[in-house]
C-alpha atoms as a PDB file:
ATOM      1  CA  UNK A   1     -19.429  26.153  21.784  1.00  0.00           C
ATOM      2  CA  UNK A   2     -20.730  28.061  18.623  1.00  0.00           C
ATOM      3  CA  UNK A   3     -17.812  30.741  18.813  1.00  0.00           C
ATOM      4  CA  UNK A   4     -15.113  27.958  18.532  1.00  0.00           C
ATOM      5  CA  UNK A   5     -12.938  28.904  15.305  1.00  0.00           C
ATOM      6  CA  UNK A   6     -12.997  25.282  13.829  1.00  0.00           C
ATOM      7  CA  UNK A   7     -12.539  21.703  14.911  1.00  0.00           C
ATOM      8  CA  UNK A   8      -9.335  20.411  13.542  1.00  0.00           C
ATOM      9  CA  UNK A   9      -8.638  16.570  14.198  1.00  0.00           C
ATOM     10  CA  UNK A  10      -4.803  17.316  13.737  1.00  0.00           C
ATOM     11  CA  UNK A  11      -3.603  18.468  17.145  1.00  0.00           C
ATOM     12  CA  UNK A  12       0.215  19.550  18.037  1.00  0.00           C
ATOM     13  CA  UNK A  13       0.966  19.002  21.720  1.00  0.00           C
ATOM     14  CA  UNK A  14       3.905  21.071  23.057  1.00  0.00           C
ATOM     15  CA  UNK A  15       5.723  20.383  26.200  1.00  0.00           C
ATOM     16  CA  UNK A  16       4.024  23.295  28.301  1.00  0.00           C
ATOM     17  CA  UNK A  17       1.194  23.016  30.689  1.00  0.00           C
ATOM     18  CA  UNK A  18      -0.772  19.891  29.827  1.00  0.00           C
ATOM     19  CA  UNK A  19      -4.426  20.618  29.073  1.00  0.00           C
ATOM     20  CA  UNK A  20      -6.828  20.616  32.323  1.00  0.00           C
ATOM     21  CA  UNK A  21      -9.535  22.782  31.129  1.00  0.00           C
ATOM     22  CA  UNK A  22     -12.728  20.931  29.348  1.00  0.00           C
ATOM     23  CA  UNK A  23     -12.247  22.827  26.079  1.00  0.00           C
ATOM     24  CA  UNK A  24      -8.576  21.698  25.426  1.00  0.00           C
ATOM     25  CA  UNK A  25      -9.163  18.418  26.820  1.00  0.00           C
ATOM     26  CA  UNK A  26     -12.002  17.765  24.499  1.00  0.00           C
ATOM     27  CA  UNK A  27      -9.928  18.736  21.425  1.00  0.00           C
ATOM     28  CA  UNK A  28      -7.027  16.347  22.796  1.00  0.00           C
ATOM     29  CA  UNK A  29      -9.269  13.425  23.384  1.00  0.00           C
ATOM     30  CA  UNK A  30     -11.293  13.801  19.952  1.00  0.00           C
ATOM     31  CA  UNK A  31      -8.218  14.109  17.861  1.00  0.00           C
ATOM     32  CA  UNK A  32      -7.327  11.679  15.011  1.00  0.00           C
ATOM     33  CA  UNK A  33      -3.642  12.570  15.002  1.00  0.00           C
ATOM     34  CA  UNK A  34      -1.750  13.895  17.845  1.00  0.00           C
ATOM     35  CA  UNK A  35       1.911  15.309  16.974  1.00  0.00           C
ATOM     36  CA  UNK A  36       3.799  15.623  20.095  1.00  0.00           C
ATOM     37  CA  UNK A  37       6.653  17.995  20.542  1.00  0.00           C
ATOM     38  CA  UNK A  38       9.650  16.112  22.095  1.00  0.00           C
ATOM     39  CA  UNK A  39       8.696  15.642  25.893  1.00  0.00           C
ATOM     40  CA  UNK A  40       5.055  16.164  25.660  1.00  0.00           C
ATOM     41  CA  UNK A  41       5.077  12.525  24.460  1.00  0.00           C
ATOM     42  CA  UNK A  42       5.694  11.385  27.966  1.00  0.00           C
ATOM     43  CA  UNK A  43       2.960  13.639  29.349  1.00  0.00           C
ATOM     44  CA  UNK A  44       0.565  12.219  26.735  1.00  0.00           C
ATOM     45  CA  UNK A  45       1.324   8.485  27.580  1.00  0.00           C
ATOM     46  CA  UNK A  46       0.954   9.111  31.285  1.00  0.00           C
ATOM     47  CA  UNK A  47      -2.442  10.711  30.392  1.00  0.00           C
ATOM     48  CA  UNK A  48      -3.362   7.465  28.851  1.00  0.00           C
ATOM     49  CA  UNK A  49      -3.217   8.305  25.134  1.00  0.00           C
ATOM     50  CA  UNK A  50      -0.498   7.720  22.544  1.00  0.00           C
ATOM     51  CA  UNK A  51       1.379  10.149  20.100  1.00  0.00           C
ATOM     52  CA  UNK A  52       0.649   9.657  16.386  1.00  0.00           C
ATOM     53  CA  UNK A  53       4.338  11.038  16.065  1.00  0.00           C
ATOM     54  CA  UNK A  54       6.957  12.568  18.176  1.00  0.00           C
ATOM     55  CA  UNK A  55       8.749  15.525  16.561  1.00  0.00           C
ATOM     56  CA  UNK A  56      11.901  17.503  17.743  1.00  0.00           C
ATOM     57  CA  UNK A  57      15.514  16.820  18.777  1.00  0.00           C
ATOM     58  CA  UNK A  58      14.188  14.055  21.494  1.00  0.00           C
ATOM     59  CA  UNK A  59      16.389  15.406  24.107  1.00  0.00           C
ATOM     60  CA  UNK A  60      13.549  15.676  26.729  1.00  0.00           C
ATOM     61  CA  UNK A  61      11.817  12.170  25.798  1.00  0.00           C
ATOM     62  CA  UNK A  62      12.344   9.180  28.045  1.00  0.00           C
ATOM     63  CA  UNK A  63      14.263   6.227  27.183  1.00  0.00           C
ATOM     64  CA  UNK A  64      11.268   4.039  27.478  1.00  0.00           C
ATOM     65  CA  UNK A  65       9.199   6.379  25.272  1.00  0.00           C
ATOM     66  CA  UNK A  66      12.057   6.383  22.693  1.00  0.00           C
ATOM     67  CA  UNK A  67      12.247   2.454  22.730  1.00  0.00           C
ATOM     68  CA  UNK A  68       8.496   1.764  22.686  1.00  0.00           C
ATOM     69  CA  UNK A  69       7.656   4.705  20.039  1.00  0.00           C
ATOM     70  CA  UNK A  70      10.896   4.432  18.092  1.00  0.00           C
ATOM     71  CA  UNK A  71       8.996   4.115  14.681  1.00  0.00           C
ATOM     72  CA  UNK A  72       7.034   7.243  15.447  1.00  0.00           C
ATOM     73  CA  UNK A  73       9.934   9.512  16.067  1.00  0.00           C
ATOM     74  CA  UNK A  74      10.674  12.212  13.580  1.00  0.00           C
ATOM     75  CA  UNK A  75      14.061  13.703  14.477  1.00  0.00           C
ATOM     76  CA  UNK A  76      14.686  17.212  13.788  1.00  0.00           C
ATOM     77  CA  UNK A  77      17.815  18.792  15.223  1.00  0.00           C
ATOM     78  CA  UNK A  78      17.527  22.105  13.525  1.00  0.00           C
ATOM     79  CA  UNK A  79      18.767  24.697  16.194  1.00  0.00           C
ATOM     80  CA  UNK A  80      17.419  27.646  14.253  1.00  0.00           C
ATOM     81  CA  UNK A  81      13.777  27.182  15.268  1.00  0.00           C
ATOM     82  CA  UNK A  82      11.798  25.563  18.014  1.00  0.00           C
ATOM     83  CA  UNK A  83       9.863  22.297  18.366  1.00  0.00           C
ATOM     84  CA  UNK A  84       6.622  23.841  17.880  1.00  0.00           C
ATOM     85  CA  UNK A  85       7.646  25.203  14.443  1.00  0.00           C
ATOM     86  CA  UNK A  86       9.191  21.870  13.733  1.00  0.00           C
ATOM     87  CA  UNK A  87       5.788  20.040  14.344  1.00  0.00           C
ATOM     88  CA  UNK A  88       3.898  22.640  12.253  1.00  0.00           C
ATOM     89  CA  UNK A  89       6.380  22.023   9.302  1.00  0.00           C
ATOM     90  CA  UNK A  90       5.770  18.208   9.914  1.00  0.00           C
ATOM     91  CA  UNK A  91       2.061  18.445   9.581  1.00  0.00           C
ATOM     92  CA  UNK A  92       2.388  20.795   6.585  1.00  0.00           C
ATOM     93  CA  UNK A  93       4.609  18.189   4.851  1.00  0.00           C
ATOM     94  CA  UNK A  94       1.765  15.708   5.391  1.00  0.00           C
ATOM     95  CA  UNK A  95      -0.925  17.946   3.809  1.00  0.00           C
ATOM     96  CA  UNK A  96      -2.651  19.421   6.633  1.00  0.00           C
ATOM     97  CA  UNK A  97      -4.821  22.491   6.121  1.00  0.00           C
ATOM     98  CA  UNK A  98      -5.744  23.334   9.672  1.00  0.00           C
ATOM     99  CA  UNK A  99      -4.217  22.354  13.014  1.00  0.00           C
ATOM    100  CA  UNK A 100      -4.790  23.018  16.653  1.00  0.00           C
ATOM    101  CA  UNK A 101      -1.981  23.703  19.077  1.00  0.00           C
ATOM    102  CA  UNK A 102      -2.065  22.691  22.812  1.00  0.00           C
ATOM    103  CA  UNK A 103       0.322  23.105  25.570  1.00  0.00           C
ATOM    104  CA  UNK A 104       2.278  25.978  24.030  1.00  0.00           C
ATOM    105  CA  UNK A 105       2.027  28.011  27.307  1.00  0.00           C
ATOM    106  CA  UNK A 106       2.255  27.820  31.057  1.00  0.00           C
ATOM    107  CA  UNK A 107       5.946  27.190  31.595  1.00  0.00           C
ATOM    108  CA  UNK A 108       8.798  29.753  30.737  1.00  0.00           C
ATOM    109  CA  UNK A 109       7.243  33.004  29.753  1.00  0.00           C
ATOM    110  CA  UNK A 110       9.799  33.650  26.976  1.00  0.00           C
ATOM    111  CA  UNK A 111       8.670  30.203  25.357  1.00  0.00           C
ATOM    112  CA  UNK A 112       5.230  31.296  25.752  1.00  0.00           C
ATOM    113  CA  UNK A 113       5.627  34.611  24.119  1.00  0.00           C
ATOM    114  CA  UNK A 114       7.673  32.973  21.264  1.00  0.00           C
ATOM    115  CA  UNK A 115       5.183  30.142  20.627  1.00  0.00           C
ATOM    116  CA  UNK A 116       2.059  32.749  20.456  1.00  0.00           C
ATOM    117  CA  UNK A 117       3.737  35.169  18.307  1.00  0.00           C
ATOM    118  CA  UNK A 118       4.715  32.338  15.763  1.00  0.00           C
ATOM    119  CA  UNK A 119       1.164  31.975  15.177  1.00  0.00           C
ATOM    120  CA  UNK A 120       1.256  34.708  12.698  1.00  0.00           C
ATOM    121  CA  UNK A 121       3.999  32.942  10.735  1.00  0.00           C
ATOM    122  CA  UNK A 122       2.110  29.652  10.637  1.00  0.00           C
ATOM    123  CA  UNK A 123      -1.188  31.373   9.703  1.00  0.00           C
ATOM    124  CA  UNK A 124       0.188  32.345   6.046  1.00  0.00           C
ATOM    125  CA  UNK A 125       0.299  28.697   5.473  1.00  0.00           C
ATOM    126  CA  UNK A 126      -2.635  26.884   7.257  1.00  0.00           C
ATOM    127  CA  UNK A 127      -5.614  27.696   9.570  1.00  0.00           C
ATOM    128  CA  UNK A 128      -4.136  27.697  13.215  1.00  0.00           C
ATOM    129  CA  UNK A 129      -5.296  28.291  16.759  1.00  0.00           C
ATOM    130  CA  UNK A 130      -3.582  27.849  19.973  1.00  0.00           C
ATOM    131  CA  UNK A 131      -5.592  26.738  22.963  1.00  0.00           C
ATOM    132  CA  UNK A 132      -4.442  27.335  26.502  1.00  0.00           C
ATOM    133  CA  UNK A 133      -6.134  26.324  29.938  1.00  0.00           C
ATOM    134  CA  UNK A 134      -7.749  29.777  30.037  1.00  0.00           C
ATOM    135  CA  UNK A 135      -8.877  30.571  26.249  1.00  0.00           C
ATOM    136  CA  UNK A 136      -7.892  30.691  22.707  1.00  0.00           C
ATOM    137  CA  UNK A 137      -5.240  32.739  20.730  1.00  0.00           C
ATOM    138  CA  UNK A 138      -5.961  33.271  17.148  1.00  0.00           C
ATOM    139  CA  UNK A 139      -3.867  34.867  14.498  1.00  0.00           C
ATOM    140  CA  UNK A 140      -5.873  37.542  12.506  1.00  0.00           C
ATOM    141  CA  UNK A 141      -4.113  38.814   9.146  1.00  0.00           C
ATOM    142  CA  UNK A 142      -7.097  40.746   7.644  1.00  0.00           C
ATOM    143  CA  UNK A 143     -10.368  42.651   8.804  1.00  0.00           C
ATOM    144  CA  UNK A 144     -13.059  40.160   9.821  1.00  0.00           C
ATOM    145  CA  UNK A 145     -15.942  39.421  12.026  1.00  0.00           C
ATOM    146  CA  UNK A 146     -15.198  36.945  14.809  1.00  0.00           C
ATOM    147  CA  UNK A 147     -17.550  34.763  16.553  1.00  0.00           C
ATOM    148  CA  UNK A 148     -17.877  35.280  20.421  1.00  0.00           C
ATOM    149  CA  UNK A 149     -20.468  35.582  23.010  1.00  0.00           C
ATOM    150  CA  UNK A 150     -21.782  38.325  25.209  1.00  0.00           C
ATOM    151  CA  UNK A 151     -19.235  39.508  27.885  1.00  0.00           C
ATOM    152  CA  UNK A 152     -16.515  37.343  26.644  1.00  0.00           C
ATOM    153  CA  UNK A 153     -13.032  38.790  27.687  1.00  0.00           C
ATOM    154  CA  UNK A 154     -11.045  39.823  24.680  1.00  0.00           C
ATOM    155  CA  UNK A 155      -7.381  40.925  24.186  1.00  0.00           C
ATOM    156  CA  UNK A 156      -5.870  42.168  21.101  1.00  0.00           C
ATOM    157  CA  UNK A 157      -2.223  42.472  20.416  1.00  0.00           C
ATOM    158  CA  UNK A 158      -0.642  44.030  17.204  1.00  0.00           C
ATOM    159  CA  UNK A 159       2.675  42.599  16.306  1.00  0.00           C
ATOM    160  CA  UNK A 160       5.188  43.951  13.741  1.00  0.00           C
ATOM    161  CA  UNK A 161       3.956  47.329  12.171  1.00  0.00           C
ATOM    162  CA  UNK A 162       1.356  48.753  14.381  1.00  0.00           C
ATOM    163  CA  UNK A 163      -2.054  48.330  13.156  1.00  0.00           C
ATOM    164  CA  UNK A 164      -4.641  51.066  13.012  1.00  0.00           C
ATOM    165  CA  UNK A 165      -7.935  49.367  14.140  1.00  0.00           C
ATOM    166  CA  UNK A 166     -11.557  50.207  14.199  1.00  0.00           C
ATOM    167  CA  UNK A 167     -13.735  47.557  16.208  1.00  0.00           C
ATOM    168  CA  UNK A 168     -17.450  47.166  16.369  1.00  0.00           C
ATOM    169  CA  UNK A 169     -19.391  45.310  19.135  1.00  0.00           C
ATOM    170  CA  UNK A 170     -16.585  45.725  21.774  1.00  0.00           C
ATOM    171  CA  UNK A 171     -17.214  47.401  25.165  1.00  0.00           C
ATOM    172  CA  UNK A 172     -14.322  49.916  24.795  1.00  0.00           C
ATOM    173  CA  UNK A 173     -14.335  50.507  21.001  1.00  0.00           C
ATOM    174  CA  UNK A 174     -11.397  51.161  18.833  1.00  0.00           C
ATOM    175  CA  UNK A 175     -11.703  54.054  16.505  1.00  0.00           C
ATOM    176  CA  UNK A 176      -8.792  54.084  14.042  1.00  0.00           C
ATOM    177  CA  UNK A 177      -6.648  53.147  17.224  1.00  0.00           C
ATOM    178  CA  UNK A 178      -2.944  52.101  16.887  1.00  0.00           C
ATOM    179  CA  UNK A 179      -1.956  49.813  19.302  1.00  0.00           C
ATOM    180  CA  UNK A 180       1.737  50.705  19.827  1.00  0.00           C
ATOM    181  CA  UNK A 181       2.085  48.771  22.794  1.00  0.00           C
ATOM    182  CA  UNK A 182       1.156  45.116  23.783  1.00  0.00           C
ATOM    183  CA  UNK A 183      -1.040  46.278  26.922  1.00  0.00           C
ATOM    184  CA  UNK A 184      -3.033  48.805  24.893  1.00  0.00           C
ATOM    185  CA  UNK A 185      -5.743  46.335  23.319  1.00  0.00           C
ATOM    186  CA  UNK A 186      -6.025  44.006  26.562  1.00  0.00           C
ATOM    187  CA  UNK A 187      -9.134  43.397  28.774  1.00  0.00           C
ATOM    188  CA  UNK A 188     -11.762  44.264  26.317  1.00  0.00           C
ATOM    189  CA  UNK A 189     -15.249  42.632  26.324  1.00  0.00           C
ATOM    190  CA  UNK A 190     -17.658  41.247  23.546  1.00  0.00           C
ATOM    191  CA  UNK A 191     -21.126  42.914  23.634  1.00  0.00           C
ATOM    192  CA  UNK A 192     -22.894  40.207  21.734  1.00  0.00           C
ATOM    193  CA  UNK A 193     -22.420  36.989  19.814  1.00  0.00           C
ATOM    194  CA  UNK A 194     -19.716  38.485  17.562  1.00  0.00           C
ATOM    195  CA  UNK A 195     -17.304  41.426  17.066  1.00  0.00           C
ATOM    196  CA  UNK A 196     -15.272  42.824  14.241  1.00  0.00           C
ATOM    197  CA  UNK A 197     -11.879  44.204  13.544  1.00  0.00           C
ATOM    198  CA  UNK A 198     -11.112  46.501  10.675  1.00  0.00           C
ATOM    199  CA  UNK A 199      -7.583  47.292   9.763  1.00  0.00           C
ATOM    200  CA  UNK A 200      -5.483  48.000   6.596  1.00  0.00           C
ATOM    201  CA  UNK A 201      -2.153  46.946   7.526  1.00  0.00           C
ATOM    202  CA  UNK A 202      -0.679  44.943  10.264  1.00  0.00           C
ATOM    203  CA  UNK A 203      -1.092  41.660  11.840  1.00  0.00           C
ATOM    204  CA  UNK A 204      -3.083  40.786  15.148  1.00  0.00           C
ATOM    205  CA  UNK A 205      -3.212  38.133  17.522  1.00  0.00           C
ATOM    206  CA  UNK A 206      -6.589  37.945  19.392  1.00  0.00           C
ATOM    207  CA  UNK A 207      -7.004  36.258  22.760  1.00  0.00           C
ATOM    208  CA  UNK A 208     -10.606  35.185  23.669  1.00  0.00           C
ATOM    209  CA  UNK A 209     -11.155  33.739  27.120  1.00  0.00           C
ATOM    210  CA  UNK A 210     -13.312  30.761  28.097  1.00  0.00           C
ATOM    211  CA  UNK A 211     -16.648  31.543  29.961  1.00  0.00           C
ATOM    212  CA  UNK A 212     -15.214  29.693  32.969  1.00  0.00           C
END
């Protein structure tokens, strides 16, 4: 998949919907380190793999997993942040430069929105993407060209200060368009093997759907 952003071997597995699409499953099974957010550890073990570390307040982890993997637990009871952020802070403390997040979506919608929006915070510190069972969420902090493929479905979300965006190679072009509402940049389509987004201010999250 030549449009894939990068192939980090450090994976954070959140306690949302477990990967079932071929892409996130491949990322998971080829990971060198899997940092599980709390109860995701039980799901990973049931899948047949083992967590490298388990991070969080550990209130959703089974007693058996707590016992069997006690030396891999990183307890963090901070209530001012969520388990995904705790896991990101942990991998940063270990010197990671890039990370792929799996399982951040698919359960409570408020958790999903929160997890996706946090990508913009993480992107200031390391290369990061979040992969669901339908596509990839990528934080975009500056103008750039993004690899894609013809007819790939693309959605663009502007968070914080609305960005005036000009696009190239999208079916529905943006011409200094301000995305003042989240729906406005959704359901676009790439016309080739890449598309570009130009903007002077603001922060974007781009969703790129898998081909099937």
